N, C-alpha and C. Protein backbone atom coordinates (compact mmCIF):
# COMPACT_ATOMS: atom_id res chain seq x y z
N MET A 1 7.63 -42.55 -3.17
CA MET A 1 8.58 -41.93 -3.73
C MET A 1 8.70 -42.80 -5.19
N SER A 2 8.82 -41.91 -6.32
CA SER A 2 9.13 -43.02 -7.58
C SER A 2 10.57 -43.24 -7.76
N GLU A 3 10.66 -44.03 -8.45
CA GLU A 3 12.09 -44.84 -8.70
C GLU A 3 13.05 -43.69 -9.31
N SER A 4 12.35 -42.78 -10.08
CA SER A 4 13.20 -41.73 -10.88
C SER A 4 13.61 -40.82 -9.75
N SER A 5 12.74 -40.38 -8.82
CA SER A 5 13.10 -39.33 -7.68
C SER A 5 14.00 -39.90 -6.87
N ARG A 6 14.17 -41.42 -6.87
CA ARG A 6 15.06 -41.94 -5.82
C ARG A 6 16.26 -41.86 -6.62
N ASN A 7 16.48 -42.06 -7.88
CA ASN A 7 17.55 -41.88 -8.69
C ASN A 7 18.46 -40.63 -8.65
N VAL A 8 17.52 -39.59 -8.58
CA VAL A 8 17.97 -38.17 -8.38
C VAL A 8 18.73 -38.18 -7.21
N LEU A 9 18.08 -38.33 -6.06
CA LEU A 9 18.61 -38.21 -4.82
C LEU A 9 19.52 -39.05 -4.30
N ASP A 10 19.70 -40.13 -5.14
CA ASP A 10 21.07 -40.96 -4.88
C ASP A 10 22.02 -40.17 -5.70
N ASP A 11 22.10 -39.72 -6.89
CA ASP A 11 22.90 -38.88 -7.46
C ASP A 11 23.54 -37.77 -6.76
N VAL A 12 22.87 -36.97 -6.10
CA VAL A 12 22.81 -35.89 -5.61
C VAL A 12 23.90 -36.33 -4.23
N ARG A 13 23.42 -37.49 -3.63
CA ARG A 13 24.03 -38.00 -2.44
C ARG A 13 25.58 -38.26 -2.87
N ARG A 14 25.69 -38.96 -3.74
CA ARG A 14 27.12 -39.33 -4.47
C ARG A 14 27.97 -37.96 -4.88
N SER A 15 27.34 -37.01 -5.23
CA SER A 15 28.03 -36.02 -5.30
C SER A 15 28.32 -35.15 -4.29
N LEU A 16 27.74 -35.34 -3.15
CA LEU A 16 28.10 -34.88 -1.91
C LEU A 16 29.24 -35.69 -1.33
N GLY A 17 29.34 -36.88 -1.60
CA GLY A 17 30.35 -37.60 -1.10
C GLY A 17 29.49 -38.64 0.17
N ARG A 18 28.27 -38.70 0.02
CA ARG A 18 27.48 -39.08 1.05
C ARG A 18 27.09 -40.72 0.45
N THR A 19 27.19 -41.68 1.46
CA THR A 19 27.00 -43.02 0.74
C THR A 19 25.67 -43.61 1.54
N ARG A 20 25.06 -42.94 2.47
CA ARG A 20 23.64 -43.28 2.84
C ARG A 20 22.83 -42.13 3.25
N THR A 21 21.54 -42.49 3.46
CA THR A 21 20.33 -41.37 3.82
C THR A 21 21.01 -40.68 5.31
N SER A 22 20.99 -39.37 5.55
CA SER A 22 21.18 -38.93 6.76
C SER A 22 19.96 -39.08 7.56
N LEU A 23 20.09 -39.59 8.89
CA LEU A 23 18.68 -39.54 9.61
C LEU A 23 18.63 -38.32 10.11
N VAL A 24 19.55 -37.26 10.31
CA VAL A 24 19.28 -35.88 10.89
C VAL A 24 19.42 -34.76 9.84
N PRO A 25 18.34 -33.76 9.76
CA PRO A 25 18.59 -32.91 8.73
C PRO A 25 19.76 -32.02 8.73
N PRO A 26 20.71 -31.83 7.76
CA PRO A 26 21.63 -30.92 7.99
C PRO A 26 21.39 -29.45 8.31
N THR A 27 22.47 -28.92 9.29
CA THR A 27 22.39 -27.72 9.61
C THR A 27 22.72 -26.65 8.70
N PRO A 28 21.65 -25.83 8.39
CA PRO A 28 22.17 -24.90 7.48
C PRO A 28 23.28 -23.80 7.93
N PRO A 29 24.42 -23.11 6.98
CA PRO A 29 25.43 -22.54 7.54
C PRO A 29 24.75 -21.34 7.95
N PRO A 30 25.33 -20.44 8.91
CA PRO A 30 25.14 -19.26 9.31
C PRO A 30 25.32 -18.30 8.22
N ILE A 31 24.32 -17.38 8.15
CA ILE A 31 24.22 -16.19 6.95
C ILE A 31 24.75 -14.77 7.64
N PRO A 32 25.99 -14.32 7.15
CA PRO A 32 26.34 -13.10 8.02
C PRO A 32 25.22 -12.09 7.88
N ASP A 33 25.11 -11.10 8.73
CA ASP A 33 24.16 -10.07 8.70
C ASP A 33 24.33 -9.27 7.43
N LEU A 34 25.47 -9.06 7.02
CA LEU A 34 25.73 -8.09 5.88
C LEU A 34 25.15 -8.63 4.49
N VAL A 35 25.18 -10.17 4.76
CA VAL A 35 24.50 -10.66 3.53
C VAL A 35 22.77 -10.72 3.47
N ALA A 36 22.59 -11.26 4.59
CA ALA A 36 20.94 -11.35 5.12
C ALA A 36 20.32 -9.97 5.06
N ARG A 37 20.95 -9.14 5.69
CA ARG A 37 20.03 -7.81 5.72
C ARG A 37 20.53 -6.71 4.75
N LEU A 38 19.37 -5.98 4.35
CA LEU A 38 19.73 -4.84 3.25
C LEU A 38 19.69 -3.65 4.26
N VAL A 39 19.15 -3.70 5.13
CA VAL A 39 19.08 -2.38 5.88
C VAL A 39 19.65 -2.28 7.41
N HIS A 40 21.05 -1.73 7.44
CA HIS A 40 21.97 -1.94 8.38
C HIS A 40 21.75 -0.78 9.34
N SER A 41 20.68 0.12 9.60
CA SER A 41 20.68 1.45 10.17
C SER A 41 19.27 1.48 10.56
N PRO A 42 18.93 2.20 11.85
CA PRO A 42 17.66 2.38 12.29
C PRO A 42 17.09 3.86 11.79
N ILE A 43 18.22 4.58 11.18
CA ILE A 43 18.05 5.85 10.67
C ILE A 43 17.67 5.89 9.48
N GLY A 44 16.58 6.93 9.31
CA GLY A 44 15.98 6.91 7.83
C GLY A 44 14.86 5.92 7.42
N LEU A 45 14.30 5.38 8.38
CA LEU A 45 13.15 4.05 8.49
C LEU A 45 12.22 4.81 7.68
N PRO A 46 11.47 5.68 8.42
CA PRO A 46 10.27 6.36 7.47
C PRO A 46 10.48 6.66 6.09
N GLU A 47 11.67 7.17 5.86
CA GLU A 47 11.69 7.53 4.34
C GLU A 47 11.98 6.44 3.50
N LEU A 48 12.69 5.41 3.80
CA LEU A 48 13.02 4.22 3.27
C LEU A 48 11.32 3.38 2.97
N PHE A 49 10.64 3.59 4.26
CA PHE A 49 9.44 2.79 4.07
C PHE A 49 8.67 3.53 2.89
N ALA A 50 8.65 4.90 3.02
CA ALA A 50 7.65 5.56 2.01
C ALA A 50 7.98 5.23 0.59
N LYS A 51 9.62 5.14 0.54
CA LYS A 51 9.95 4.80 -1.00
C LYS A 51 9.47 3.56 -1.48
N ARG A 52 9.79 2.58 -0.66
CA ARG A 52 9.37 1.09 -0.99
C ARG A 52 7.83 0.96 -1.03
N ALA A 53 7.19 1.53 -0.14
CA ALA A 53 5.68 1.40 -0.10
C ALA A 53 5.04 2.06 -1.37
N SER A 54 5.63 3.18 -1.91
CA SER A 54 5.29 3.83 -3.03
C SER A 54 5.42 3.15 -4.25
N ASP A 55 6.80 2.39 -4.00
CA ASP A 55 6.97 1.50 -5.45
C ASP A 55 5.96 0.43 -5.57
N LEU A 56 5.40 0.00 -4.53
CA LEU A 56 3.94 -0.82 -4.40
C LEU A 56 2.63 -0.50 -4.37
N LYS A 57 2.77 0.88 -5.04
CA LYS A 57 1.49 1.69 -5.15
C LYS A 57 0.78 1.87 -4.08
N MET A 58 1.38 1.80 -2.81
CA MET A 58 0.78 2.55 -1.69
C MET A 58 0.92 3.72 -1.63
N LEU A 59 -0.35 4.70 -1.28
CA LEU A 59 -0.16 6.02 -1.22
C LEU A 59 0.43 6.34 0.44
N VAL A 60 1.51 7.00 0.69
CA VAL A 60 2.37 7.49 1.70
C VAL A 60 2.37 8.78 1.87
N GLU A 61 2.03 9.23 2.94
CA GLU A 61 2.08 11.02 3.21
C GLU A 61 2.20 11.42 4.82
N PRO A 62 3.56 11.88 4.98
CA PRO A 62 4.11 12.17 6.27
C PRO A 62 2.96 13.58 6.99
N VAL A 63 2.74 13.44 8.09
CA VAL A 63 1.75 14.44 8.51
C VAL A 63 1.79 14.71 9.95
N ARG A 64 1.59 15.72 10.32
CA ARG A 64 1.62 16.15 11.83
C ARG A 64 0.37 15.76 12.35
N VAL A 65 0.47 15.52 13.71
CA VAL A 65 -0.73 14.97 14.26
C VAL A 65 -1.90 16.00 14.31
N ASP A 66 -1.51 17.12 14.59
CA ASP A 66 -2.78 17.96 14.43
C ASP A 66 -3.50 18.45 12.94
N GLU A 67 -2.71 17.88 11.98
CA GLU A 67 -3.10 17.85 10.48
C GLU A 67 -3.95 16.70 10.21
N LEU A 68 -3.74 15.61 10.89
CA LEU A 68 -4.17 14.20 10.38
C LEU A 68 -5.74 14.00 10.17
N THR A 69 -6.60 14.75 11.19
CA THR A 69 -7.82 14.50 10.84
C THR A 69 -8.20 15.21 9.69
N GLY A 70 -7.85 16.25 9.65
CA GLY A 70 -8.27 17.21 8.30
C GLY A 70 -7.93 16.60 7.14
N LYS A 71 -6.71 16.02 7.00
CA LYS A 71 -6.37 15.54 5.75
C LYS A 71 -6.80 14.15 5.53
N MET A 72 -6.98 13.38 6.68
CA MET A 72 -7.80 12.14 6.38
C MET A 72 -9.24 12.32 5.83
N ALA A 73 -9.81 13.19 6.22
CA ALA A 73 -11.36 13.67 5.87
C ALA A 73 -11.07 13.92 4.34
N ASP A 74 -10.18 14.94 4.04
CA ASP A 74 -9.96 15.20 2.45
C ASP A 74 -9.68 13.92 1.62
N PHE A 75 -8.99 13.25 2.32
CA PHE A 75 -8.75 12.01 1.26
C PHE A 75 -9.93 11.13 1.28
N LEU A 76 -10.42 10.91 2.35
CA LEU A 76 -11.78 9.87 2.45
C LEU A 76 -12.91 10.63 1.40
N ARG A 77 -12.99 11.95 1.37
CA ARG A 77 -14.13 12.72 0.75
C ARG A 77 -13.60 12.43 -0.72
N GLY A 78 -12.58 12.70 -1.16
CA GLY A 78 -11.90 12.47 -2.48
C GLY A 78 -11.98 11.09 -2.99
N ARG A 79 -12.30 10.05 -2.06
CA ARG A 79 -12.48 8.65 -2.72
C ARG A 79 -14.07 8.32 -2.60
N ASN A 80 -14.68 9.36 -2.54
CA ASN A 80 -16.22 9.12 -2.39
C ASN A 80 -16.59 8.48 -1.30
N CYS A 81 -15.83 8.34 -0.17
CA CYS A 81 -16.36 7.63 1.01
C CYS A 81 -17.23 8.23 1.86
N LYS A 82 -18.14 7.33 2.46
CA LYS A 82 -19.02 7.91 3.25
C LYS A 82 -19.42 7.37 4.77
N THR A 83 -19.12 6.08 4.53
CA THR A 83 -19.14 5.31 5.71
C THR A 83 -17.94 4.64 6.30
N ILE A 84 -17.57 4.95 7.30
CA ILE A 84 -16.07 4.39 7.50
C ILE A 84 -16.17 3.75 8.82
N MET A 85 -15.43 2.49 9.08
CA MET A 85 -15.33 1.77 10.14
C MET A 85 -13.78 1.88 10.89
N LEU A 86 -13.65 1.91 12.03
CA LEU A 86 -12.27 2.12 12.55
C LEU A 86 -11.90 1.02 13.64
N SER A 87 -10.85 0.97 13.66
CA SER A 87 -9.99 0.20 14.59
C SER A 87 -10.46 0.73 16.20
N ASP A 88 -10.70 0.09 17.13
CA ASP A 88 -11.09 0.48 18.53
C ASP A 88 -9.88 0.01 19.32
N THR A 89 -8.87 0.82 19.17
CA THR A 89 -7.47 0.87 19.43
C THR A 89 -7.02 2.16 20.29
N PRO A 90 -6.39 2.10 21.37
CA PRO A 90 -5.94 3.45 22.14
C PRO A 90 -5.58 4.67 21.52
N LEU A 91 -4.68 4.59 20.29
CA LEU A 91 -4.32 5.45 19.49
C LEU A 91 -5.53 6.19 18.64
N LEU A 92 -6.22 5.38 18.06
CA LEU A 92 -7.42 6.21 17.58
C LEU A 92 -8.04 6.77 18.33
N ARG A 93 -8.66 5.97 19.46
CA ARG A 93 -9.68 6.71 20.48
C ARG A 93 -8.87 8.18 21.05
N LYS A 94 -7.60 8.05 21.33
CA LYS A 94 -6.64 9.09 21.89
C LYS A 94 -6.88 10.26 20.74
N LEU A 95 -6.55 10.16 19.62
CA LEU A 95 -6.85 11.14 18.65
C LEU A 95 -8.29 11.49 18.17
N GLU A 96 -9.21 10.73 18.86
CA GLU A 96 -10.72 11.09 18.30
C GLU A 96 -11.16 11.16 17.23
N ILE A 97 -10.43 10.27 16.29
CA ILE A 97 -10.66 10.24 14.78
C ILE A 97 -12.26 9.88 14.38
N GLY A 98 -12.73 8.94 15.32
CA GLY A 98 -14.13 8.77 14.92
C GLY A 98 -15.04 10.06 15.07
N ASP A 99 -14.85 10.90 16.00
CA ASP A 99 -15.79 11.71 16.36
C ASP A 99 -15.31 12.92 15.25
N ALA A 100 -13.77 13.12 14.80
CA ALA A 100 -13.58 14.23 13.95
C ALA A 100 -14.19 13.79 12.54
N LEU A 101 -14.17 12.62 12.15
CA LEU A 101 -14.91 12.12 10.91
C LEU A 101 -16.29 12.48 10.97
N ASP A 102 -17.16 11.93 12.16
CA ASP A 102 -18.45 12.41 12.06
C ASP A 102 -18.86 13.75 12.18
N GLU A 103 -17.94 14.43 12.59
CA GLU A 103 -18.28 16.08 12.42
C GLU A 103 -17.91 16.45 11.10
N ALA A 104 -17.07 15.85 10.50
CA ALA A 104 -16.57 16.14 9.17
C ALA A 104 -17.91 15.73 8.00
N GLY A 105 -18.89 15.02 8.41
CA GLY A 105 -19.82 14.65 7.69
C GLY A 105 -19.92 13.47 7.28
N PHE A 106 -18.76 12.40 7.89
CA PHE A 106 -18.94 10.99 7.53
C PHE A 106 -19.88 10.20 8.66
N SER A 107 -19.95 8.90 8.24
CA SER A 107 -20.80 7.85 9.38
C SER A 107 -19.74 7.09 9.69
N ALA A 108 -19.23 7.49 11.11
CA ALA A 108 -17.87 6.66 11.56
C ALA A 108 -18.17 5.62 12.71
N ARG A 109 -17.87 4.62 12.60
CA ARG A 109 -17.96 3.54 13.74
C ARG A 109 -16.99 2.85 14.19
N TYR A 110 -16.65 2.62 15.43
CA TYR A 110 -15.41 1.91 15.94
C TYR A 110 -15.76 0.10 15.73
N TRP A 111 -14.80 -0.51 15.82
CA TRP A 111 -14.96 -1.90 15.44
C TRP A 111 -15.85 -2.43 16.51
N SER A 112 -15.95 -1.93 17.54
CA SER A 112 -16.85 -2.83 18.73
C SER A 112 -18.11 -2.63 18.24
N GLY A 113 -18.48 -1.48 17.34
CA GLY A 113 -19.97 -1.33 17.10
C GLY A 113 -20.19 -1.65 15.66
N VAL A 114 -19.41 -2.86 15.40
CA VAL A 114 -19.50 -3.22 13.85
C VAL A 114 -19.71 -4.59 13.91
N THR A 115 -20.62 -5.32 13.12
CA THR A 115 -20.62 -6.79 13.02
C THR A 115 -20.01 -7.24 11.88
N ALA A 116 -19.50 -8.49 11.84
CA ALA A 116 -18.82 -9.17 10.66
C ALA A 116 -19.43 -8.88 9.35
N ASP A 117 -20.79 -9.19 9.42
CA ASP A 117 -21.58 -9.00 8.10
C ASP A 117 -21.80 -7.53 7.83
N GLY A 118 -21.86 -6.69 8.84
CA GLY A 118 -21.99 -5.15 8.74
C GLY A 118 -20.79 -4.63 8.09
N ALA A 119 -19.55 -5.18 8.10
CA ALA A 119 -18.60 -4.74 7.77
C ALA A 119 -18.49 -4.66 6.37
N TYR A 120 -19.42 -5.27 5.50
CA TYR A 120 -19.30 -5.19 4.12
C TYR A 120 -20.14 -4.25 3.51
N ASP A 121 -20.60 -3.16 4.66
CA ASP A 121 -21.53 -1.97 4.21
C ASP A 121 -20.69 -0.71 4.32
N TYR A 122 -19.53 -0.75 4.75
CA TYR A 122 -18.35 0.16 4.87
C TYR A 122 -17.56 0.72 3.76
N ASP A 123 -17.42 1.84 3.60
CA ASP A 123 -16.68 2.24 2.12
C ASP A 123 -15.03 2.22 2.49
N ALA A 124 -14.86 2.62 3.72
CA ALA A 124 -13.22 2.56 4.26
C ALA A 124 -13.13 1.87 5.48
N GLY A 125 -11.99 1.78 5.77
CA GLY A 125 -11.43 1.01 7.04
C GLY A 125 -10.20 1.81 7.48
N VAL A 126 -10.35 2.46 8.74
CA VAL A 126 -9.29 3.19 9.05
C VAL A 126 -8.30 2.49 10.21
N THR A 127 -7.28 2.24 10.41
CA THR A 127 -6.62 1.46 11.48
C THR A 127 -5.42 1.90 11.86
N ASP A 128 -4.90 1.77 13.17
CA ASP A 128 -3.40 1.89 13.05
C ASP A 128 -2.72 0.93 12.73
N VAL A 129 -1.46 0.56 12.95
CA VAL A 129 -0.61 -0.43 12.69
C VAL A 129 0.15 -0.95 13.82
N ASP A 130 0.55 -2.33 13.99
CA ASP A 130 1.61 -2.57 14.97
C ASP A 130 2.89 -2.39 14.75
N TYR A 131 3.42 -2.61 13.27
CA TYR A 131 4.47 -2.68 12.90
C TYR A 131 4.57 -1.96 11.27
N ALA A 132 5.73 -1.35 11.04
CA ALA A 132 5.83 -0.94 9.55
C ALA A 132 7.44 -1.30 9.21
N VAL A 133 7.48 -2.36 8.26
CA VAL A 133 8.52 -2.83 7.91
C VAL A 133 9.56 -1.90 6.76
N ALA A 134 10.35 -1.07 6.90
CA ALA A 134 10.89 -0.27 6.03
C ALA A 134 11.84 -1.22 4.79
N GLU A 135 12.16 -2.01 4.81
CA GLU A 135 12.69 -2.76 3.81
C GLU A 135 11.85 -3.12 2.87
N THR A 136 10.38 -3.71 3.19
CA THR A 136 9.80 -4.14 2.12
C THR A 136 8.32 -3.04 1.87
N GLY A 137 8.40 -1.94 2.63
CA GLY A 137 7.15 -1.14 2.57
C GLY A 137 5.80 -2.06 3.10
N THR A 138 5.93 -2.67 4.13
CA THR A 138 4.93 -3.49 4.60
C THR A 138 4.31 -2.80 5.82
N LEU A 139 2.93 -3.00 5.73
CA LEU A 139 2.21 -2.76 7.08
C LEU A 139 1.84 -4.01 7.85
N VAL A 140 2.01 -4.11 9.41
CA VAL A 140 1.86 -5.30 9.91
C VAL A 140 0.72 -5.09 11.26
N ILE A 141 -0.23 -5.95 10.91
CA ILE A 141 -1.39 -5.79 11.82
C ILE A 141 -1.47 -6.75 12.66
N ARG A 142 -1.54 -6.87 13.90
CA ARG A 142 -1.91 -8.23 14.78
C ARG A 142 -3.42 -8.13 15.02
N HIS A 143 -4.10 -9.47 14.86
CA HIS A 143 -5.60 -9.38 15.21
C HIS A 143 -5.60 -9.51 16.61
N ARG A 144 -6.88 -8.73 16.96
CA ARG A 144 -7.25 -8.70 18.36
C ARG A 144 -8.85 -8.23 18.26
N PRO A 145 -9.48 -8.40 19.46
CA PRO A 145 -10.89 -7.93 19.60
C PRO A 145 -11.09 -6.67 19.23
N GLY A 146 -10.09 -5.49 19.15
CA GLY A 146 -10.64 -4.19 19.06
C GLY A 146 -9.96 -3.82 17.55
N HIS A 147 -9.32 -5.11 16.96
CA HIS A 147 -8.93 -4.58 15.62
C HIS A 147 -8.91 -5.79 14.73
N GLY A 148 -10.18 -6.18 14.41
CA GLY A 148 -10.63 -7.14 13.36
C GLY A 148 -9.94 -7.21 12.10
N ARG A 149 -9.81 -8.44 11.66
CA ARG A 149 -8.99 -8.41 10.53
C ARG A 149 -9.85 -7.98 9.20
N LEU A 150 -11.21 -7.78 9.20
CA LEU A 150 -12.16 -7.40 8.00
C LEU A 150 -11.77 -5.79 7.86
N LEU A 151 -11.11 -5.27 9.05
CA LEU A 151 -11.31 -3.71 8.92
C LEU A 151 -10.15 -3.20 7.65
N SER A 152 -9.14 -4.19 7.55
CA SER A 152 -8.30 -3.72 6.33
C SER A 152 -8.28 -4.51 5.23
N LEU A 153 -9.28 -5.54 5.08
CA LEU A 153 -9.46 -6.40 4.08
C LEU A 153 -10.51 -6.36 3.14
N VAL A 154 -11.91 -5.76 3.73
CA VAL A 154 -13.10 -5.86 3.32
C VAL A 154 -13.23 -4.39 2.52
N PRO A 155 -12.91 -3.19 2.93
CA PRO A 155 -13.38 -2.20 2.17
C PRO A 155 -12.76 -1.91 1.19
N PHE A 156 -13.09 -1.23 0.20
CA PHE A 156 -12.30 -0.88 -0.93
C PHE A 156 -11.08 0.04 -0.71
N VAL A 157 -11.21 1.12 0.38
CA VAL A 157 -10.34 1.67 0.69
C VAL A 157 -9.64 1.41 2.08
N HIS A 158 -8.57 1.33 2.44
CA HIS A 158 -8.12 1.21 3.71
C HIS A 158 -6.91 2.36 4.05
N VAL A 159 -7.19 2.91 4.84
CA VAL A 159 -6.41 4.28 5.61
C VAL A 159 -5.84 3.62 6.86
N ALA A 160 -4.26 3.86 6.94
CA ALA A 160 -3.49 3.36 8.04
C ALA A 160 -2.75 4.28 8.58
N VAL A 161 -2.66 4.75 9.99
CA VAL A 161 -2.07 5.53 10.76
C VAL A 161 -0.95 4.87 11.17
N VAL A 162 0.28 5.53 10.97
CA VAL A 162 1.69 4.93 11.51
C VAL A 162 2.58 5.76 12.21
N GLU A 163 2.79 5.21 13.53
CA GLU A 163 3.44 5.98 14.44
C GLU A 163 4.84 5.65 14.20
N PRO A 164 5.76 6.89 14.44
CA PRO A 164 7.41 6.59 14.24
C PRO A 164 7.65 5.46 14.83
N LYS A 165 7.31 5.10 16.16
CA LYS A 165 7.96 4.08 16.94
C LYS A 165 7.60 2.97 16.51
N VAL A 166 6.71 2.62 15.56
CA VAL A 166 6.52 0.93 15.23
C VAL A 166 7.21 0.76 13.95
N PHE A 167 8.37 1.51 13.52
CA PHE A 167 9.08 1.00 12.26
C PHE A 167 9.87 0.02 12.62
N LEU A 168 10.34 -0.70 11.63
CA LEU A 168 11.27 -2.01 11.86
C LEU A 168 12.14 -1.88 10.62
N PRO A 169 13.52 -2.22 10.84
CA PRO A 169 14.11 -2.17 9.51
C PRO A 169 13.75 -3.28 8.57
N ASP A 170 13.58 -4.63 8.92
CA ASP A 170 13.37 -5.60 7.80
C ASP A 170 12.77 -6.72 8.25
N LEU A 171 12.46 -7.89 7.35
CA LEU A 171 11.43 -8.75 7.84
C LEU A 171 12.05 -9.81 8.92
N ILE A 172 13.61 -9.73 9.13
CA ILE A 172 14.12 -10.42 10.20
C ILE A 172 13.75 -9.99 11.71
N ASP A 173 13.87 -8.66 11.69
CA ASP A 173 13.37 -8.00 12.90
C ASP A 173 11.72 -8.31 13.12
N LEU A 174 10.99 -8.25 12.15
CA LEU A 174 9.78 -8.47 12.32
C LEU A 174 9.47 -9.75 12.92
N PHE A 175 10.14 -10.90 12.42
CA PHE A 175 9.67 -12.01 12.90
C PHE A 175 10.52 -12.47 14.29
N ASP A 176 11.60 -11.84 14.63
CA ASP A 176 11.92 -11.92 15.83
C ASP A 176 10.96 -11.49 16.81
N VAL A 177 10.35 -10.26 16.45
CA VAL A 177 9.50 -9.50 17.30
C VAL A 177 8.15 -10.38 17.80
N LEU A 178 7.71 -10.94 16.42
CA LEU A 178 6.44 -11.89 16.71
C LEU A 178 6.76 -13.02 17.35
N ALA A 179 7.94 -13.34 17.14
CA ALA A 179 8.43 -15.18 17.89
C ALA A 179 8.25 -14.59 19.38
N LYS A 180 8.69 -13.36 19.73
CA LYS A 180 8.40 -12.99 21.20
C LYS A 180 7.04 -12.78 21.77
N GLU A 181 6.56 -12.04 20.88
CA GLU A 181 5.03 -11.47 21.33
C GLU A 181 3.91 -12.58 21.02
N GLY A 182 4.25 -13.60 20.06
CA GLY A 182 3.06 -14.15 19.48
C GLY A 182 2.25 -13.57 18.48
N VAL A 183 1.62 -14.22 17.80
CA VAL A 183 0.77 -13.79 16.68
C VAL A 183 -0.59 -13.89 16.97
N GLY A 184 -0.94 -14.47 18.16
CA GLY A 184 -2.27 -14.35 18.48
C GLY A 184 -3.26 -15.12 17.45
N SER A 185 -4.37 -14.54 17.21
CA SER A 185 -5.35 -15.18 16.18
C SER A 185 -4.71 -15.00 14.59
N GLY A 186 -3.97 -14.31 14.69
CA GLY A 186 -3.06 -14.21 13.23
C GLY A 186 -2.65 -12.68 12.96
N VAL A 187 -2.04 -12.68 11.82
CA VAL A 187 -1.33 -11.29 11.45
C VAL A 187 -1.45 -10.99 9.95
N THR A 188 -1.95 -9.60 9.71
CA THR A 188 -2.07 -9.26 8.42
C THR A 188 -0.98 -8.54 8.03
N MET A 189 -0.35 -8.78 6.77
CA MET A 189 0.89 -8.07 6.37
C MET A 189 0.44 -7.31 5.07
N ILE A 190 0.71 -6.24 4.83
CA ILE A 190 -0.01 -5.49 3.61
C ILE A 190 1.12 -4.56 3.11
N SER A 191 1.37 -4.88 1.73
CA SER A 191 2.40 -4.25 0.80
C SER A 191 1.65 -3.74 -0.40
N GLY A 192 1.06 -2.65 -0.18
CA GLY A 192 0.14 -1.98 -1.03
C GLY A 192 -1.16 -2.48 -1.40
N PRO A 193 -1.97 -2.06 -2.50
CA PRO A 193 -3.21 -2.47 -2.70
C PRO A 193 -3.31 -3.81 -3.14
N SER A 194 -4.38 -4.59 -2.91
CA SER A 194 -4.60 -6.16 -3.35
C SER A 194 -4.16 -6.26 -4.85
N LYS A 195 -3.37 -7.01 -5.26
CA LYS A 195 -2.93 -7.28 -6.63
C LYS A 195 -2.90 -8.82 -7.01
N THR A 196 -3.35 -8.97 -8.24
CA THR A 196 -3.59 -10.42 -8.90
C THR A 196 -3.28 -10.37 -10.24
N ALA A 197 -2.68 -11.27 -10.89
CA ALA A 197 -2.75 -11.45 -12.33
C ALA A 197 -3.03 -12.79 -12.84
N ASP A 198 -3.34 -12.64 -14.14
CA ASP A 198 -3.56 -13.89 -14.76
C ASP A 198 -2.53 -14.33 -15.57
N ILE A 199 -2.50 -15.57 -16.48
CA ILE A 199 -1.62 -16.25 -17.07
C ILE A 199 -0.81 -15.19 -17.90
N GLU A 200 -1.43 -14.35 -18.23
CA GLU A 200 -0.89 -13.42 -19.62
C GLU A 200 -0.12 -12.29 -18.55
N MET A 201 -0.18 -12.38 -17.03
CA MET A 201 0.56 -11.29 -16.25
C MET A 201 -0.15 -9.72 -16.31
N ASN A 202 -1.51 -9.93 -16.55
CA ASN A 202 -2.10 -8.77 -16.80
C ASN A 202 -2.59 -8.64 -15.18
N VAL A 203 -2.17 -7.45 -14.65
CA VAL A 203 -2.15 -7.21 -12.97
C VAL A 203 -3.84 -6.39 -12.99
N VAL A 204 -4.55 -7.03 -11.98
CA VAL A 204 -5.60 -6.22 -11.58
C VAL A 204 -5.66 -6.00 -10.17
N THR A 205 -5.94 -4.68 -9.62
CA THR A 205 -5.88 -4.40 -8.21
C THR A 205 -7.36 -4.46 -7.52
N GLY A 206 -7.34 -4.55 -6.36
CA GLY A 206 -8.76 -4.63 -5.64
C GLY A 206 -9.56 -5.74 -5.62
N VAL A 207 -9.01 -6.82 -6.26
CA VAL A 207 -9.73 -8.06 -6.15
C VAL A 207 -9.95 -9.06 -5.04
N HIS A 208 -8.93 -9.02 -4.15
CA HIS A 208 -9.08 -9.91 -2.97
C HIS A 208 -8.61 -9.01 -1.87
N GLY A 209 -8.88 -7.65 -2.02
CA GLY A 209 -8.96 -6.72 -0.84
C GLY A 209 -8.77 -5.22 -1.42
N PRO A 210 -8.49 -4.50 -0.66
CA PRO A 210 -8.53 -3.12 -0.86
C PRO A 210 -7.91 -2.67 -2.18
N ASN A 211 -8.54 -1.43 -3.09
CA ASN A 211 -7.89 -1.22 -4.24
C ASN A 211 -7.16 0.04 -4.02
N VAL A 212 -7.27 0.59 -2.90
CA VAL A 212 -6.37 1.94 -2.11
C VAL A 212 -5.99 1.57 -0.93
N VAL A 213 -4.70 1.79 -0.73
CA VAL A 213 -4.12 1.51 0.55
C VAL A 213 -3.52 3.29 0.80
N LYS A 214 -3.68 3.78 1.83
CA LYS A 214 -3.18 5.16 2.29
C LYS A 214 -2.48 5.09 3.67
N ALA A 215 -1.48 5.45 3.68
CA ALA A 215 -0.86 5.27 5.16
C ALA A 215 -0.07 7.02 5.50
N PHE A 216 -0.79 7.20 6.31
CA PHE A 216 -0.54 8.74 7.10
C PHE A 216 0.45 8.40 8.26
N VAL A 217 1.74 8.77 7.73
CA VAL A 217 2.89 8.51 8.74
C VAL A 217 3.06 9.84 9.69
N LEU A 218 2.82 9.59 10.80
CA LEU A 218 3.06 10.72 12.12
C LEU A 218 4.45 11.22 12.27
N GLU A 219 4.39 12.41 12.07
CA GLU A 219 5.97 13.14 12.25
C GLU A 219 6.09 13.50 13.65
């Protein structure tokens, strides 16, 4: 540590009334929930999520289960997507989304039939999500064998299916859940399409991930 840095820290200690370096880090004061949390009720989480996610340029659409595959096919067709890879998860298997997309004229494959190198040949990735954070408009996906991280990171278009039961009020709730369940090999948190900016603050989307993120929220 430089002499100037030590002088600054000594000045701070004197201002705090301390005469020597503490060997134990100070305990931060508790922050009341009314201050730390902006969402205080589980009511209206899908609507809040839709608003916050839309602010971040994510496309959000409520949909009935019986409408899902038709609307998803229309959306993918409108984005000129032809090859689709899907999470090999119980929800997407139960809804038979892969079969429905094949019947609609797409070439759809579940993750178990896709290689890491082959993932770069797909136009879109379709996944479900483990959690959706209403406060920040964030989709959360825990990596696992049936749900590789490349599904939501490599294709130009990412489509997510969001169940009502996965909504959480805020990031505090999310981190509490992840602390209990563990994060496995990793967690992807998605708040809209990939965005980056240069020193002049010119924002470009799609450089480090999907340019389009669409969330179908099941009603």
